[in-house]
C-alpha atoms as a PDB file:
ATOM      1  CA  UNK A   1       0.205  -0.181   0.308  1.00  0.00           C
ATOM      2  CA  UNK A   2       1.240   3.846  -0.638  1.00  0.00           C
ATOM      3  CA  UNK A   3       2.557   5.646   2.218  1.00  0.00           C
ATOM      4  CA  UNK A   4      -1.183   6.724   3.758  1.00  0.00           C
ATOM      5  CA  UNK A   5      -0.076  10.508   4.358  1.00  0.00           C
ATOM      6  CA  UNK A   6       1.019  10.897   1.032  1.00  0.00           C
ATOM      7  CA  UNK A   7      -2.319   9.648  -0.414  1.00  0.00           C
ATOM      8  CA  UNK A   8      -4.328  11.874   1.709  1.00  0.00           C
ATOM      9  CA  UNK A   9      -1.986  14.676   0.510  1.00  0.00           C
ATOM     10  CA  UNK A  10      -2.978  14.354  -2.309  1.00  0.00           C
ATOM     11  CA  UNK A  11      -6.524  13.788  -2.519  1.00  0.00           C
ATOM     12  CA  UNK A  12      -6.578  17.020  -0.206  1.00  0.00           C
ATOM     13  CA  UNK A  13      -4.844  18.788  -2.626  1.00  0.00           C
ATOM     14  CA  UNK A  14      -7.069  17.351  -5.851  1.00  0.00           C
ATOM     15  CA  UNK A  15      -9.911  18.314  -4.295  1.00  0.00           C
ATOM     16  CA  UNK A  16      -8.623  22.141  -3.019  1.00  0.00           C
ATOM     17  CA  UNK A  17      -7.758  22.469  -7.192  1.00  0.00           C
ATOM     18  CA  UNK A  18     -11.037  21.608  -8.125  1.00  0.00           C
ATOM     19  CA  UNK A  19     -12.697  23.634  -6.190  1.00  0.00           C
ATOM     20  CA  UNK A  20     -10.220  26.515  -6.602  1.00  0.00           C
ATOM     21  CA  UNK A  21     -11.251  26.491 -10.428  1.00  0.00           C
ATOM     22  CA  UNK A  22     -15.373  26.044  -9.010  1.00  0.00           C
ATOM     23  CA  UNK A  23     -14.335  29.102  -7.070  1.00  0.00           C
ATOM     24  CA  UNK A  24     -13.255  31.085 -10.063  1.00  0.00           C
ATOM     25  CA  UNK A  25     -16.269  31.230 -12.035  1.00  0.00           C
ATOM     26  CA  UNK A  26     -18.865  30.978  -8.956  1.00  0.00           C
ATOM     27  CA  UNK A  27     -21.834  33.408  -9.674  1.00  0.00           C
ATOM     28  CA  UNK A  28     -20.459  34.205 -12.900  1.00  0.00           C
ATOM     29  CA  UNK A  29     -21.651  31.380 -15.303  1.00  0.00           C
ATOM     30  CA  UNK A  30     -23.297  32.956 -18.165  1.00  0.00           C
ATOM     31  CA  UNK A  31     -25.606  30.652 -20.250  1.00  0.00           C
ATOM     32  CA  UNK A  32     -22.569  30.567 -23.170  1.00  0.00           C
ATOM     33  CA  UNK A  33     -20.686  28.285 -20.171  1.00  0.00           C
ATOM     34  CA  UNK A  34     -23.567  26.143 -19.658  1.00  0.00           C
ATOM     35  CA  UNK A  35     -24.525  22.444 -21.503  1.00  0.00           C
ATOM     36  CA  UNK A  36     -27.038  20.343 -22.010  1.00  0.00           C
ATOM     37  CA  UNK A  37     -25.388  17.192 -20.332  1.00  0.00           C
ATOM     38  CA  UNK A  38     -29.202  15.189 -20.500  1.00  0.00           C
ATOM     39  CA  UNK A  39     -33.216  15.227 -19.692  1.00  0.00           C
ATOM     40  CA  UNK A  40     -33.348  17.603 -16.907  1.00  0.00           C
ATOM     41  CA  UNK A  41     -29.770  17.896 -15.941  1.00  0.00           C
ATOM     42  CA  UNK A  42     -27.031  20.764 -16.325  1.00  0.00           C
ATOM     43  CA  UNK A  43     -23.317  21.347 -15.728  1.00  0.00           C
ATOM     44  CA  UNK A  44     -20.960  24.063 -16.540  1.00  0.00           C
ATOM     45  CA  UNK A  45     -17.389  24.840 -17.523  1.00  0.00           C
ATOM     46  CA  UNK A  46     -16.163  25.090 -14.466  1.00  0.00           C
ATOM     47  CA  UNK A  47     -17.725  21.773 -13.769  1.00  0.00           C
ATOM     48  CA  UNK A  48     -16.010  20.321 -16.697  1.00  0.00           C
ATOM     49  CA  UNK A  49     -12.764  22.320 -15.637  1.00  0.00           C
ATOM     50  CA  UNK A  50     -12.469  20.927 -12.128  1.00  0.00           C
ATOM     51  CA  UNK A  51     -12.475  17.275 -13.303  1.00  0.00           C
ATOM     52  CA  UNK A  52      -9.802  18.123 -15.741  1.00  0.00           C
ATOM     53  CA  UNK A  53      -7.471  19.419 -12.890  1.00  0.00           C
ATOM     54  CA  UNK A  54      -8.188  16.743 -10.180  1.00  0.00           C
ATOM     55  CA  UNK A  55      -7.457  13.877 -12.793  1.00  0.00           C
ATOM     56  CA  UNK A  56      -4.798  16.125 -13.611  1.00  0.00           C
ATOM     57  CA  UNK A  57      -3.179  16.310  -9.941  1.00  0.00           C
ATOM     58  CA  UNK A  58      -3.925  12.586  -9.002  1.00  0.00           C
ATOM     59  CA  UNK A  59      -2.483  10.939 -12.025  1.00  0.00           C
ATOM     60  CA  UNK A  60       1.187  13.050 -12.204  1.00  0.00           C
ATOM     61  CA  UNK A  61       0.696  11.533  -8.111  1.00  0.00           C
ATOM     62  CA  UNK A  62      -0.608   8.241  -9.029  1.00  0.00           C
ATOM     63  CA  UNK A  63      -0.561   7.143 -13.083  1.00  0.00           C
ATOM     64  CA  UNK A  64      -1.360   3.443 -12.321  1.00  0.00           C
ATOM     65  CA  UNK A  65      -4.043   4.259 -10.408  1.00  0.00           C
ATOM     66  CA  UNK A  66      -7.974   4.007 -11.800  1.00  0.00           C
ATOM     67  CA  UNK A  67     -10.048   6.839 -11.423  1.00  0.00           C
ATOM     68  CA  UNK A  68     -13.571   7.161 -12.168  1.00  0.00           C
ATOM     69  CA  UNK A  69     -15.552  10.712 -12.403  1.00  0.00           C
ATOM     70  CA  UNK A  70     -18.542  12.196 -12.920  1.00  0.00           C
ATOM     71  CA  UNK A  71     -17.984  14.017 -16.155  1.00  0.00           C
ATOM     72  CA  UNK A  72     -15.655  11.965 -18.374  1.00  0.00           C
ATOM     73  CA  UNK A  73     -16.381   8.283 -16.819  1.00  0.00           C
ATOM     74  CA  UNK A  74     -13.563   5.674 -16.211  1.00  0.00           C
ATOM     75  CA  UNK A  75     -13.767   1.833 -15.146  1.00  0.00           C
ATOM     76  CA  UNK A  76     -12.723   0.930 -11.280  1.00  0.00           C
ATOM     77  CA  UNK A  77      -9.492  -0.967 -11.595  1.00  0.00           C
ATOM     78  CA  UNK A  78      -7.537  -2.139  -9.750  1.00  0.00           C
ATOM     79  CA  UNK A  79      -6.798  -2.420  -6.397  1.00  0.00           C
ATOM     80  CA  UNK A  80      -6.729   1.816  -6.443  1.00  0.00           C
ATOM     81  CA  UNK A  81      -9.958   3.415  -7.452  1.00  0.00           C
ATOM     82  CA  UNK A  82     -10.730   6.985  -7.164  1.00  0.00           C
ATOM     83  CA  UNK A  83     -13.951   8.634  -7.451  1.00  0.00           C
ATOM     84  CA  UNK A  84     -14.402  12.450  -8.135  1.00  0.00           C
ATOM     85  CA  UNK A  85     -16.775  14.516  -8.764  1.00  0.00           C
ATOM     86  CA  UNK A  86     -15.465  17.812  -9.320  1.00  0.00           C
ATOM     87  CA  UNK A  87     -18.827  19.982  -9.062  1.00  0.00           C
ATOM     88  CA  UNK A  88     -21.195  17.777  -6.189  1.00  0.00           C
ATOM     89  CA  UNK A  89     -24.363  20.345  -6.323  1.00  0.00           C
ATOM     90  CA  UNK A  90     -24.137  21.740  -9.719  1.00  0.00           C
ATOM     91  CA  UNK A  91     -27.569  23.205  -9.865  1.00  0.00           C
ATOM     92  CA  UNK A  92     -27.037  25.020  -6.271  1.00  0.00           C
ATOM     93  CA  UNK A  93     -24.077  25.996  -8.065  1.00  0.00           C
ATOM     94  CA  UNK A  94     -25.396  27.560 -11.274  1.00  0.00           C
ATOM     95  CA  UNK A  95     -27.844  28.849  -9.028  1.00  0.00           C
ATOM     96  CA  UNK A  96     -25.829  31.046  -6.666  1.00  0.00           C
ATOM     97  CA  UNK A  97     -26.989  28.789  -3.957  1.00  0.00           C
ATOM     98  CA  UNK A  98     -23.317  27.989  -2.241  1.00  0.00           C
ATOM     99  CA  UNK A  99     -23.779  24.359  -1.027  1.00  0.00           C
ATOM    100  CA  UNK A 100     -21.300  22.790  -3.470  1.00  0.00           C
ATOM    101  CA  UNK A 101     -18.386  21.792  -3.287  1.00  0.00           C
ATOM    102  CA  UNK A 102     -15.569  19.098  -4.775  1.00  0.00           C
ATOM    103  CA  UNK A 103     -15.207  15.330  -3.685  1.00  0.00           C
ATOM    104  CA  UNK A 104     -12.432  13.027  -4.098  1.00  0.00           C
ATOM    105  CA  UNK A 105     -12.563   9.468  -2.272  1.00  0.00           C
ATOM    106  CA  UNK A 106     -10.336   6.265  -2.920  1.00  0.00           C
ATOM    107  CA  UNK A 107     -10.964   2.967  -2.347  1.00  0.00           C
ATOM    108  CA  UNK A 108      -8.104   0.262  -1.700  1.00  0.00           C
ATOM    109  CA  UNK A 109      -9.507  -3.318  -2.471  1.00  0.00           C
ATOM    110  CA  UNK A 110     -13.119  -1.996  -2.501  1.00  0.00           C
ATOM    111  CA  UNK A 111     -12.646  -0.113   0.984  1.00  0.00           C
ATOM    112  CA  UNK A 112     -13.251   3.517   1.609  1.00  0.00           C
ATOM    113  CA  UNK A 113      -9.725   4.481   2.386  1.00  0.00           C
ATOM    114  CA  UNK A 114      -9.326   8.346   1.848  1.00  0.00           C
ATOM    115  CA  UNK A 115     -11.708  11.463   1.227  1.00  0.00           C
ATOM    116  CA  UNK A 116     -11.796  15.028   0.681  1.00  0.00           C
ATOM    117  CA  UNK A 117     -14.679  17.154   0.292  1.00  0.00           C
ATOM    118  CA  UNK A 118     -14.024  20.926  -0.576  1.00  0.00           C
ATOM    119  CA  UNK A 119     -16.768  23.837   0.025  1.00  0.00           C
ATOM    120  CA  UNK A 120     -15.329  26.829  -1.635  1.00  0.00           C
ATOM    121  CA  UNK A 121     -18.213  29.270  -0.740  1.00  0.00           C
ATOM    122  CA  UNK A 122     -16.940  28.745   2.873  1.00  0.00           C
ATOM    123  CA  UNK A 123     -13.180  27.196   2.566  1.00  0.00           C
ATOM    124  CA  UNK A 124     -14.012  24.529   4.218  1.00  0.00           C
ATOM    125  CA  UNK A 125     -11.697  21.254   3.368  1.00  0.00           C
ATOM    126  CA  UNK A 126     -13.285  17.910   5.234  1.00  0.00           C
ATOM    127  CA  UNK A 127     -11.190  14.905   5.174  1.00  0.00           C
ATOM    128  CA  UNK A 128     -10.686  11.744   6.809  1.00  0.00           C
ATOM    129  CA  UNK A 129      -8.979   8.835   6.490  1.00  0.00           C
ATOM    130  CA  UNK A 130      -9.092   5.206   7.250  1.00  0.00           C
ATOM    131  CA  UNK A 131      -8.810   4.754  11.146  1.00  0.00           C
ATOM    132  CA  UNK A 132      -7.831   8.754  11.401  1.00  0.00           C
ATOM    133  CA  UNK A 133     -10.414  10.291  12.229  1.00  0.00           C
ATOM    134  CA  UNK A 134     -12.141  13.272  10.392  1.00  0.00           C
ATOM    135  CA  UNK A 135     -11.285  17.176   9.696  1.00  0.00           C
ATOM    136  CA  UNK A 136     -13.291  20.037   9.040  1.00  0.00           C
ATOM    137  CA  UNK A 137      -9.700  21.936   7.964  1.00  0.00           C
ATOM    138  CA  UNK A 138      -7.532  20.940  10.919  1.00  0.00           C
ATOM    139  CA  UNK A 139      -9.765  20.399  13.497  1.00  0.00           C
ATOM    140  CA  UNK A 140     -11.384  16.985  14.419  1.00  0.00           C
ATOM    141  CA  UNK A 141     -15.362  16.581  13.987  1.00  0.00           C
ATOM    142  CA  UNK A 142     -17.579  14.319  15.557  1.00  0.00           C
ATOM    143  CA  UNK A 143     -21.613  13.781  15.106  1.00  0.00           C
ATOM    144  CA  UNK A 144     -24.062  14.005  17.710  1.00  0.00           C
ATOM    145  CA  UNK A 145     -25.661  11.928  19.442  1.00  0.00           C
ATOM    146  CA  UNK A 146     -29.035  12.555  20.271  1.00  0.00           C
ATOM    147  CA  UNK A 147     -31.819  10.594  22.835  1.00  0.00           C
ATOM    148  CA  UNK A 148     -34.860  12.040  20.693  1.00  0.00           C
ATOM    149  CA  UNK A 149     -36.050  11.710  17.429  1.00  0.00           C
ATOM    150  CA  UNK A 150     -37.786  15.080  17.730  1.00  0.00           C
ATOM    151  CA  UNK A 151     -34.593  16.509  17.912  1.00  0.00           C
ATOM    152  CA  UNK A 152     -33.072  15.366  14.845  1.00  0.00           C
ATOM    153  CA  UNK A 153     -32.250  17.271  12.179  1.00  0.00           C
ATOM    154  CA  UNK A 154     -32.136  14.966   8.880  1.00  0.00           C
ATOM    155  CA  UNK A 155     -31.213  15.724   5.016  1.00  0.00           C
ATOM    156  CA  UNK A 156     -32.891  13.917   2.344  1.00  0.00           C
ATOM    157  CA  UNK A 157     -31.892  13.749  -1.440  1.00  0.00           C
ATOM    158  CA  UNK A 158     -33.442  12.226  -4.984  1.00  0.00           C
ATOM    159  CA  UNK A 159     -32.591  12.757  -8.397  1.00  0.00           C
ATOM    160  CA  UNK A 160     -34.782  15.233 -10.231  1.00  0.00           C
ATOM    161  CA  UNK A 161     -34.076  12.339 -13.175  1.00  0.00           C
ATOM    162  CA  UNK A 162     -35.463   9.125 -10.743  1.00  0.00           C
ATOM    163  CA  UNK A 163     -35.920   5.873 -12.311  1.00  0.00           C
ATOM    164  CA  UNK A 164     -38.394   4.832  -9.590  1.00  0.00           C
ATOM    165  CA  UNK A 165     -41.445   6.167  -8.306  1.00  0.00           C
ATOM    166  CA  UNK A 166     -41.316   9.144  -6.450  1.00  0.00           C
ATOM    167  CA  UNK A 167     -44.285   8.316  -4.739  1.00  0.00           C
ATOM    168  CA  UNK A 168     -42.635   5.473  -3.077  1.00  0.00           C
ATOM    169  CA  UNK A 169     -39.863   7.997  -2.082  1.00  0.00           C
ATOM    170  CA  UNK A 170     -42.359  10.297  -0.402  1.00  0.00           C
ATOM    171  CA  UNK A 171     -44.285   7.517   0.951  1.00  0.00           C
ATOM    172  CA  UNK A 172     -40.532   7.008   2.851  1.00  0.00           C
ATOM    173  CA  UNK A 173     -39.786  10.317   3.587  1.00  0.00           C
ATOM    174  CA  UNK A 174     -43.537  11.292   5.236  1.00  0.00           C
ATOM    175  CA  UNK A 175     -42.842   8.439   7.600  1.00  0.00           C
ATOM    176  CA  UNK A 176     -39.420  10.097   8.658  1.00  0.00           C
ATOM    177  CA  UNK A 177     -41.077  13.470   8.569  1.00  0.00           C
ATOM    178  CA  UNK A 178     -43.676  12.676  10.807  1.00  0.00           C
ATOM    179  CA  UNK A 179     -41.218  11.735  13.606  1.00  0.00           C
ATOM    180  CA  UNK A 180     -38.174  13.676  13.522  1.00  0.00           C
ATOM    181  CA  UNK A 181     -37.856  17.240  14.275  1.00  0.00           C
ATOM    182  CA  UNK A 182     -36.746  18.715  10.477  1.00  0.00           C
ATOM    183  CA  UNK A 183     -35.944  17.571   6.984  1.00  0.00           C
ATOM    184  CA  UNK A 184     -34.080  19.465   4.523  1.00  0.00           C
ATOM    185  CA  UNK A 185     -33.003  18.804   0.981  1.00  0.00           C
ATOM    186  CA  UNK A 186     -29.431  20.305   0.224  1.00  0.00           C
ATOM    187  CA  UNK A 187     -29.042  19.026  -2.701  1.00  0.00           C
ATOM    188  CA  UNK A 188     -25.521  18.033  -2.492  1.00  0.00           C
ATOM    189  CA  UNK A 189     -24.860  14.334  -1.125  1.00  0.00           C
ATOM    190  CA  UNK A 190     -20.914  14.617  -0.615  1.00  0.00           C
ATOM    191  CA  UNK A 191     -21.748  18.104   1.363  1.00  0.00           C
ATOM    192  CA  UNK A 192     -24.656  16.632   3.383  1.00  0.00           C
ATOM    193  CA  UNK A 193     -22.405  13.683   4.775  1.00  0.00           C
ATOM    194  CA  UNK A 194     -19.889  16.146   5.765  1.00  0.00           C
ATOM    195  CA  UNK A 195     -22.389  18.087   7.570  1.00  0.00           C
ATOM    196  CA  UNK A 196     -23.856  14.974   9.256  1.00  0.00           C
ATOM    197  CA  UNK A 197     -20.081  14.337   9.684  1.00  0.00           C
ATOM    198  CA  UNK A 198     -19.926  17.372  11.797  1.00  0.00           C
ATOM    199  CA  UNK A 199     -23.119  17.257  13.597  1.00  0.00           C
ATOM    200  CA  UNK A 200     -25.316  19.964  11.388  1.00  0.00           C
ATOM    201  CA  UNK A 201     -27.672  16.806  10.767  1.00  0.00           C
ATOM    202  CA  UNK A 202     -28.115  13.796  12.426  1.00  0.00           C
ATOM    203  CA  UNK A 203     -29.593  11.923   9.825  1.00  0.00           C
ATOM    204  CA  UNK A 204     -29.461  11.581   5.975  1.00  0.00           C
ATOM    205  CA  UNK A 205     -31.252   9.777   3.750  1.00  0.00           C
ATOM    206  CA  UNK A 206     -30.467   9.916  -0.223  1.00  0.00           C
ATOM    207  CA  UNK A 207     -31.884   7.970  -3.754  1.00  0.00           C
ATOM    208  CA  UNK A 208     -30.635   6.644  -6.724  1.00  0.00           C
ATOM    209  CA  UNK A 209     -26.594   8.212  -6.285  1.00  0.00           C
ATOM    210  CA  UNK A 210     -23.529   7.047  -7.857  1.00  0.00           C
ATOM    211  CA  UNK A 211     -20.085   6.132  -6.211  1.00  0.00           C
ATOM    212  CA  UNK A 212     -18.458   9.813  -7.043  1.00  0.00           C
ATOM    213  CA  UNK A 213     -21.597  10.934  -4.797  1.00  0.00           C
ATOM    214  CA  UNK A 214     -20.754   9.301  -2.255  1.00  0.00           C
ATOM    215  CA  UNK A 215     -17.416   7.209  -2.052  1.00  0.00           C
ATOM    216  CA  UNK A 216     -15.264  10.494   0.267  1.00  0.00           C
ATOM    217  CA  UNK A 217     -18.104  11.328   1.924  1.00  0.00           C
ATOM    218  CA  UNK A 218     -19.054   8.081   3.274  1.00  0.00           C
ATOM    219  CA  UNK A 219     -15.387   7.686   5.241  1.00  0.00           C
ATOM    220  CA  UNK A 220     -15.869  11.107   6.263  1.00  0.00           C
ATOM    221  CA  UNK A 221     -18.998  10.637   7.912  1.00  0.00           C
ATOM    222  CA  UNK A 222     -18.006   6.830   8.976  1.00  0.00           C
ATOM    223  CA  UNK A 223     -14.848   8.136  10.817  1.00  0.00           C
ATOM    224  CA  UNK A 224     -16.706  11.244  12.590  1.00  0.00           C
ATOM    225  CA  UNK A 225     -18.849   8.041  14.259  1.00  0.00           C
ATOM    226  CA  UNK A 226     -21.877   8.141  12.097  1.00  0.00           C
ATOM    227  CA  UNK A 227     -23.372   4.795  10.532  1.00  0.00           C
ATOM    228  CA  UNK A 228     -23.731   4.936   7.005  1.00  0.00           C
ATOM    229  CA  UNK A 229     -25.210   2.054   4.933  1.00  0.00           C
ATOM    230  CA  UNK A 230     -25.283   2.042   1.165  1.00  0.00           C
ATOM    231  CA  UNK A 231     -28.307  -0.181  -0.467  1.00  0.00           C
ATOM    232  CA  UNK A 232     -26.068  -1.473  -3.487  1.00  0.00           C
ATOM    233  CA  UNK A 233     -22.485  -0.503  -2.270  1.00  0.00           C
ATOM    234  CA  UNK A 234     -20.164   1.721  -4.916  1.00  0.00           C
ATOM    235  CA  UNK A 235     -22.462   0.859  -7.044  1.00  0.00           C
ATOM    236  CA  UNK A 236     -24.225   2.726  -9.690  1.00  0.00           C
ATOM    237  CA  UNK A 237     -27.803   4.251  -7.936  1.00  0.00           C
ATOM    238  CA  UNK A 238     -26.906   3.093  -4.613  1.00  0.00           C
ATOM    239  CA  UNK A 239     -29.299   4.654  -1.753  1.00  0.00           C
ATOM    240  CA  UNK A 240     -27.613   5.789   1.303  1.00  0.00           C
ATOM    241  CA  UNK A 241     -28.561   6.100   5.005  1.00  0.00           C
ATOM    242  CA  UNK A 242     -26.406   7.077   7.876  1.00  0.00           C
ATOM    243  CA  UNK A 243     -26.417   8.817  10.918  1.00  0.00           C
ATOM    244  CA  UNK A 244     -26.107   9.261  14.863  1.00  0.00           C
ATOM    245  CA  UNK A 245     -27.224   6.217  16.827  1.00  0.00           C
ATOM    246  CA  UNK A 246     -30.406   6.866  16.715  1.00  0.00           C
ATOM    247  CA  UNK A 247     -31.546   8.117  13.569  1.00  0.00           C
ATOM    248  CA  UNK A 248     -29.731   5.530  11.727  1.00  0.00           C
ATOM    249  CA  UNK A 249     -31.713   3.106  13.677  1.00  0.00           C
ATOM    250  CA  UNK A 250     -35.440   4.569  12.804  1.00  0.00           C
ATOM    251  CA  UNK A 251     -34.549   5.256   9.391  1.00  0.00           C
ATOM    252  CA  UNK A 252     -33.327   1.632   8.945  1.00  0.00           C
ATOM    253  CA  UNK A 253     -36.385   0.474  10.483  1.00  0.00           C
ATOM    254  CA  UNK A 254     -38.523   2.754   8.101  1.00  0.00           C
ATOM    255  CA  UNK A 255     -36.927   1.038   5.098  1.00  0.00           C
ATOM    256  CA  UNK A 256     -37.353  -2.334   6.459  1.00  0.00           C
ATOM    257  CA  UNK A 257     -40.914  -1.392   6.531  1.00  0.00           C
ATOM    258  CA  UNK A 258     -40.878  -0.394   3.237  1.00  0.00           C
ATOM    259  CA  UNK A 259     -38.875  -2.248   0.988  1.00  0.00           C
ATOM    260  CA  UNK A 260     -41.722  -3.620  -1.607  1.00  0.00           C
ATOM    261  CA  UNK A 261     -41.811  -0.471  -2.963  1.00  0.00           C
ATOM    262  CA  UNK A 262     -38.243   0.463  -3.660  1.00  0.00           C
END
């Protein structure tokens, strides 16, 4: 295995480099810089340039590693596989809503090893390494345990291009909404997992994600003490639910009761 400190450093640097490109374009994305990527899905020139910069940096240090990104794709081959999202929260970014970031995660032999998520609008770098804890910039972070569901703040999400029946999502979400204190849909899965790790959110449920959406955030949340589960592992279309002990158990129970609908 490569030196773990070296891997972490490269992940953090790559996330920052991509994020700096996003920062340059933020609030300046014009119509001529926005393209159609598919039905109900948009991306910006900043998105493309961010991924190119992240890939370039990783390849410079680890030319034999696989890289899979949202924009340019790739194949998850070999022991080391990097999953990168150059702009998590694309629609937020284009709208001028500051909940967005870059996400750089590394799997080693199929297991999360390193993760870094950078939020340029707040200059916040979340990062973690397996067995080494989770951090926001240089400060350790932990999830917050709660004694009552009514005190829990839960994030949720689903894609606008949802392949499943949205009614099945809403059935689950309504059951959760009825028991917890409040719910929000920020629109950026990696960021949501970091906010869970920091103790802002107490629980999280997001549907139909891809590996680059969750790889970095997964290990950051886990290392911060959260329980995290992926219904399909690091595969396309996976659902993720996570939380402090109380919230995780509750969300898991609701999902088990609604398995047929999902």
